[in-house]
Amino acid sequence: MTLTLTVSDEVRALVPGFTHVAIEAHGLVNGPSTEESSALLDDAARRLAVRLDGRAPHEDPHMAAWRAAYTAFGSKPSRTRNSAEALAKRALADGGLPRINLLVDLYNAISVAHLIPVGGEDLDLIQGGMRLVRATGEEDFVTVAGGEESVEHPDAGEIVWCDDAGVTCRRWNWRQGPRTRLTEDTTSAVFLLESLAPMPVAEAEAAGAELAELLEKFSPGARIDVRAPETAS
C-alpha cells in the first residue's frame, strides 16, 4: 500500500511555494556506514563548499527562505535550524559529517550536496498516513532524554510532521523522533526532499533522482517509486 502524504491548508497558506518530492522504497538493504558511503559524504561536503563559494550556509537563498518559514510559525531559526542548514554547518566544520548508517548516509549526502532538507522514515513503523500540519500543542512527540524515553509536546502553531500515533518530526524538519527513524533493520522507507522558493522545482527533482539512483545502487533489486513533486500554492 502506498503511503498517504498530505499537507494541510494551514501550512499551504503560511508557506506558499513549498514543494516536496517523495521517494517510497521497498526491499532496501541497510547496515553500518561503509567506506563508499563515507566517501559520498566527503564528496557532498566538497560540492557544498563549491556551491556556497565562501558564504555561510544561512546566506544561501534557499536557506534564507527556510529561516523565514521558521520565523513565520514562531520558531527562532538561529537556534532551531532546518535539517539542511544544520548538516551544512557540520559538513564545513573540522569534524565533518556524522556517519550514522548506510541509508542515512545516502540521504544526508544528497541533503548537503543540494542544500535541501531530506528526511527518511521507516515505513513499517509509521502508523496510518503522514501529515504536515500546524500543531495544536497537545500532540505527543516521543523522544529520548538522558537515556530515558520521554514525551514532549510541540508549541501551538508549530509546523510538524505526524502520523496516527503522534509527531514524527518537530519544527518541520528540525528534529526527528526515534520511533520512525531508519535503523540497520530498515527494509522499507519513505524519503522526503523539501524545498521552498526560490529553489526551482527542477532542482528538487534532480536531488530526488540522484537519491533514487543511490538507493538502487546500494540496494539492487529494491522497488523505488519517485512521486511527482507536490507544490503548495
Protein backbone atom coordinates (compact mmCIF):
# COMPACT_ATOMS: atom_id res chain seq x y z
CA MET A 1 0.00 0.00 0.00
CA THR A 2 1.30 3.45 -0.94
CA LEU A 3 1.84 5.81 1.97
CA THR A 4 -0.52 8.78 2.01
CA LEU A 5 1.21 12.15 2.43
CA THR A 6 -0.84 15.30 2.95
CA VAL A 7 -0.03 18.97 3.54
CA SER A 8 -2.65 20.91 5.49
CA ASP A 9 -4.28 24.04 4.10
CA GLU A 10 -2.88 25.97 7.08
CA VAL A 11 0.67 25.09 6.09
CA ARG A 12 0.00 25.89 2.45
CA ALA A 13 -1.38 29.30 3.43
CA LEU A 14 1.54 30.13 5.72
CA VAL A 15 4.33 28.99 3.37
CA PRO A 16 3.36 29.35 -0.31
CA GLY A 17 5.65 27.63 -2.76
CA PHE A 18 6.54 24.67 -0.56
CA THR A 19 7.38 21.60 -2.64
CA HIS A 20 8.16 18.06 -1.58
CA VAL A 21 9.47 15.13 -3.57
CA ALA A 22 8.70 11.74 -2.01
CA ILE A 23 10.57 8.51 -2.71
CA GLU A 24 8.99 5.29 -1.45
CA ALA A 25 11.35 2.32 -1.37
CA HIS A 26 10.85 -1.36 -0.56
CA GLY A 27 13.42 -4.16 -0.40
CA LEU A 28 16.19 -1.92 0.90
CA VAL A 29 19.40 -3.24 2.39
CA ASN A 30 20.74 -1.18 5.28
CA GLY A 31 23.71 -1.66 7.56
CA PRO A 32 26.63 0.20 9.10
CA SER A 33 28.30 3.05 7.24
CA THR A 34 30.80 1.88 4.64
CA GLU A 35 33.89 3.37 3.03
CA GLU A 36 31.76 4.09 -0.03
CA SER A 37 29.00 5.88 1.89
CA SER A 38 31.66 7.80 3.81
CA ALA A 39 33.23 8.89 0.53
CA LEU A 40 29.82 10.13 -0.65
CA LEU A 41 29.56 12.33 2.46
CA ASP A 42 33.04 13.74 1.87
CA ASP A 43 32.18 14.47 -1.76
CA ALA A 44 28.93 16.14 -0.70
CA ALA A 45 30.90 18.47 1.60
CA ARG A 46 33.14 19.42 -1.32
CA ARG A 47 30.11 20.08 -3.54
CA LEU A 48 28.61 22.22 -0.80
CA ALA A 49 31.77 24.31 -0.49
CA VAL A 50 31.69 24.99 -4.23
CA ARG A 51 28.00 25.87 -4.07
CA LEU A 52 28.44 28.32 -1.21
CA ASP A 53 31.63 29.87 -2.63
CA GLY A 54 32.72 31.29 0.70
CA ARG A 55 29.25 32.17 2.04
CA ALA A 56 27.84 30.80 5.28
CA PRO A 57 25.03 28.24 4.79
CA HIS A 58 22.36 30.63 6.09
CA GLU A 59 23.33 33.16 3.39
CA ASP A 60 22.22 30.80 0.63
CA PRO A 61 18.85 31.99 -0.78
CA HIS A 62 17.21 28.61 -0.16
CA MET A 63 18.34 28.53 3.46
CA ALA A 64 17.23 32.14 3.88
CA ALA A 65 13.76 31.09 2.72
CA TRP A 66 13.70 28.30 5.29
CA ARG A 67 14.71 30.75 8.01
CA ALA A 68 11.82 32.97 7.00
CA ALA A 69 9.44 29.99 7.11
CA TYR A 70 10.62 29.03 10.60
CA THR A 71 10.12 32.61 11.77
CA ALA A 72 6.60 32.58 10.29
CA PHE A 73 5.48 29.74 12.58
CA GLY A 74 7.15 31.19 15.67
CA SER A 75 10.48 29.37 15.75
CA LYS A 76 13.88 31.02 16.09
CA PRO A 77 15.85 29.78 13.06
CA SER A 78 19.24 30.65 14.54
CA ARG A 79 18.51 28.28 17.44
CA THR A 80 16.49 25.56 15.70
CA ARG A 81 17.93 25.29 12.21
CA ASN A 82 16.30 23.34 9.43
CA SER A 83 17.99 19.99 8.86
CA ALA A 84 19.89 21.04 5.73
CA GLU A 85 21.43 24.11 7.34
CA ALA A 86 22.40 22.13 10.44
CA LEU A 87 24.07 19.44 8.32
CA ALA A 88 25.79 22.04 6.15
CA LYS A 89 27.36 23.66 9.21
CA ARG A 90 28.67 20.28 10.33
CA ALA A 91 29.94 19.47 6.83
CA LEU A 92 32.04 22.64 6.80
CA ALA A 93 33.35 22.19 10.35
CA ASP A 94 36.54 20.33 11.26
CA GLY A 95 34.70 17.21 12.46
CA GLY A 96 32.72 16.89 9.23
CA LEU A 97 29.50 14.96 8.77
CA PRO A 98 28.47 12.15 11.10
CA ARG A 99 28.36 8.58 9.83
CA ILE A 100 25.06 7.04 11.00
CA ASN A 101 24.19 4.06 8.83
CA LEU A 102 24.19 3.37 5.11
CA LEU A 103 20.71 4.72 4.26
CA VAL A 104 21.07 7.81 6.45
CA ASP A 105 24.48 8.50 4.93
CA LEU A 106 22.95 8.40 1.45
CA TYR A 107 20.20 10.89 2.15
CA ASN A 108 22.46 13.14 4.22
CA ALA A 109 24.87 13.28 1.27
CA ILE A 110 22.07 14.42 -1.03
CA SER A 111 20.87 16.97 1.52
CA VAL A 112 24.31 18.54 1.83
CA ALA A 113 25.23 18.42 -1.86
CA HIS A 114 21.96 20.09 -2.92
CA LEU A 115 21.39 22.13 0.25
CA ILE A 116 17.86 20.77 0.64
CA PRO A 117 16.23 19.23 3.73
CA VAL A 118 15.90 15.46 3.31
CA GLY A 119 14.40 13.05 5.82
CA GLY A 120 13.88 9.31 5.95
CA GLU A 121 11.17 7.39 7.81
CA ASP A 122 10.80 3.64 8.30
CA LEU A 123 7.55 2.72 6.53
CA ASP A 124 6.99 -0.29 8.77
CA LEU A 125 6.96 1.97 11.83
CA ILE A 126 4.62 4.67 10.51
CA GLN A 127 1.02 4.35 11.66
CA GLY A 128 -1.50 5.49 9.07
CA GLY A 129 -0.57 8.30 6.69
CA MET A 130 1.81 11.17 7.26
CA ARG A 131 0.59 14.75 7.54
CA LEU A 132 2.33 18.12 7.61
CA VAL A 133 0.23 20.28 9.93
CA ARG A 134 0.30 23.18 12.36
CA ALA A 135 0.29 21.62 15.80
CA THR A 136 -2.35 22.25 18.44
CA GLY A 137 0.30 21.80 21.13
CA GLU A 138 -1.35 18.67 22.54
CA GLU A 139 0.25 16.11 20.21
CA ASP A 140 2.77 13.64 21.64
CA PHE A 141 6.38 13.64 20.47
CA VAL A 142 8.20 10.66 21.90
CA THR A 143 11.93 11.27 22.27
CA VAL A 144 14.84 10.17 24.45
CA ALA A 145 16.36 12.38 27.14
CA GLY A 146 19.17 11.21 29.40
CA GLY A 147 18.81 7.68 28.09
CA GLU A 148 15.14 7.55 29.10
CA GLU A 149 12.10 7.73 26.86
CA SER A 150 10.14 10.94 27.39
CA VAL A 151 7.17 12.69 25.82
CA GLU A 152 7.29 16.29 24.66
CA HIS A 153 4.62 18.43 23.07
CA PRO A 154 5.16 20.82 20.17
CA ASP A 155 4.35 24.50 20.51
CA ALA A 156 0.89 25.55 19.37
CA GLY A 157 1.14 26.61 15.74
CA GLU A 158 4.45 24.81 15.18
CA ILE A 159 4.69 23.02 11.83
CA VAL A 160 5.21 19.29 12.38
CA TRP A 161 5.09 16.01 10.50
CA CYS A 162 2.88 13.47 12.23
CA ASP A 163 1.17 10.12 11.78
CA ASP A 164 -1.72 8.50 13.65
CA ALA A 165 0.49 7.85 16.70
CA GLY A 166 1.86 11.36 17.12
CA VAL A 167 4.56 13.71 15.89
CA THR A 168 7.36 12.14 13.86
CA CYS A 169 9.41 15.32 13.32
CA ARG A 170 9.29 18.61 15.21
CA ARG A 171 9.66 22.09 13.76
CA TRP A 172 9.08 20.81 10.24
CA ASN A 173 12.42 19.04 9.72
CA TRP A 174 14.45 20.14 12.73
CA ARG A 175 14.36 17.05 14.94
CA GLN A 176 13.13 13.57 14.04
CA GLY A 177 11.74 11.30 16.72
CA PRO A 178 13.40 7.93 17.32
CA ARG A 179 10.16 5.98 16.79
CA THR A 180 10.25 6.06 12.97
CA ARG A 181 13.91 6.69 12.20
CA LEU A 182 15.89 4.45 9.86
CA THR A 183 17.87 1.72 11.60
CA GLU A 184 20.09 -1.04 10.30
CA ASP A 185 17.00 -3.29 10.28
CA THR A 186 15.01 -0.99 7.96
CA THR A 187 13.89 -2.57 4.68
CA SER A 188 11.14 -0.13 3.61
CA ALA A 189 11.33 3.64 3.82
CA VAL A 190 9.97 6.93 2.58
CA PHE A 191 12.35 9.78 1.85
CA LEU A 192 11.11 13.37 1.75
CA LEU A 193 13.01 16.14 -0.03
CA GLU A 194 11.53 19.50 0.92
CA SER A 195 12.11 22.78 -0.88
CA LEU A 196 10.89 26.36 -0.89
CA ALA A 197 11.04 29.10 -3.49
CA PRO A 198 13.48 30.29 -4.81
CA MET A 199 14.79 26.73 -5.35
CA PRO A 200 13.47 25.64 -8.76
CA VAL A 201 11.23 22.57 -8.68
CA ALA A 202 13.55 21.01 -11.26
CA GLU A 203 16.43 21.19 -8.78
CA ALA A 204 14.39 19.38 -6.11
CA GLU A 205 13.53 16.77 -8.76
CA ALA A 206 17.22 16.39 -9.66
CA ALA A 207 18.10 15.82 -6.00
CA GLY A 208 15.36 13.20 -5.78
CA ALA A 209 16.59 11.46 -8.91
CA GLU A 210 20.14 11.36 -7.54
CA LEU A 211 18.93 9.83 -4.27
CA ALA A 212 16.84 7.24 -6.15
CA GLU A 213 19.93 6.25 -8.15
CA LEU A 214 21.95 5.80 -4.97
CA LEU A 215 19.23 3.68 -3.40
CA GLU A 216 19.14 1.45 -6.47
CA LYS A 217 22.93 1.17 -6.46
CA PHE A 218 23.24 0.21 -2.79
CA SER A 219 20.08 -1.94 -2.71
CA PRO A 220 19.98 -3.81 -6.04
CA GLY A 221 16.51 -5.09 -6.77
CA ALA A 222 14.75 -2.64 -4.44
CA ARG A 223 11.43 -1.20 -5.64
CA ILE A 224 11.88 2.57 -5.88
CA ASP A 225 8.92 4.87 -6.59
CA VAL A 226 9.66 8.56 -7.08
CA ARG A 227 6.50 10.62 -6.84
CA ALA A 228 6.00 13.80 -8.83
CA PRO A 229 6.65 16.94 -6.77
CA GLU A 230 3.72 18.33 -4.84
CA THR A 231 3.69 22.11 -4.55
CA ALA A 232 1.82 24.25 -2.07
CA SER A 233 0.49 27.28 -3.88
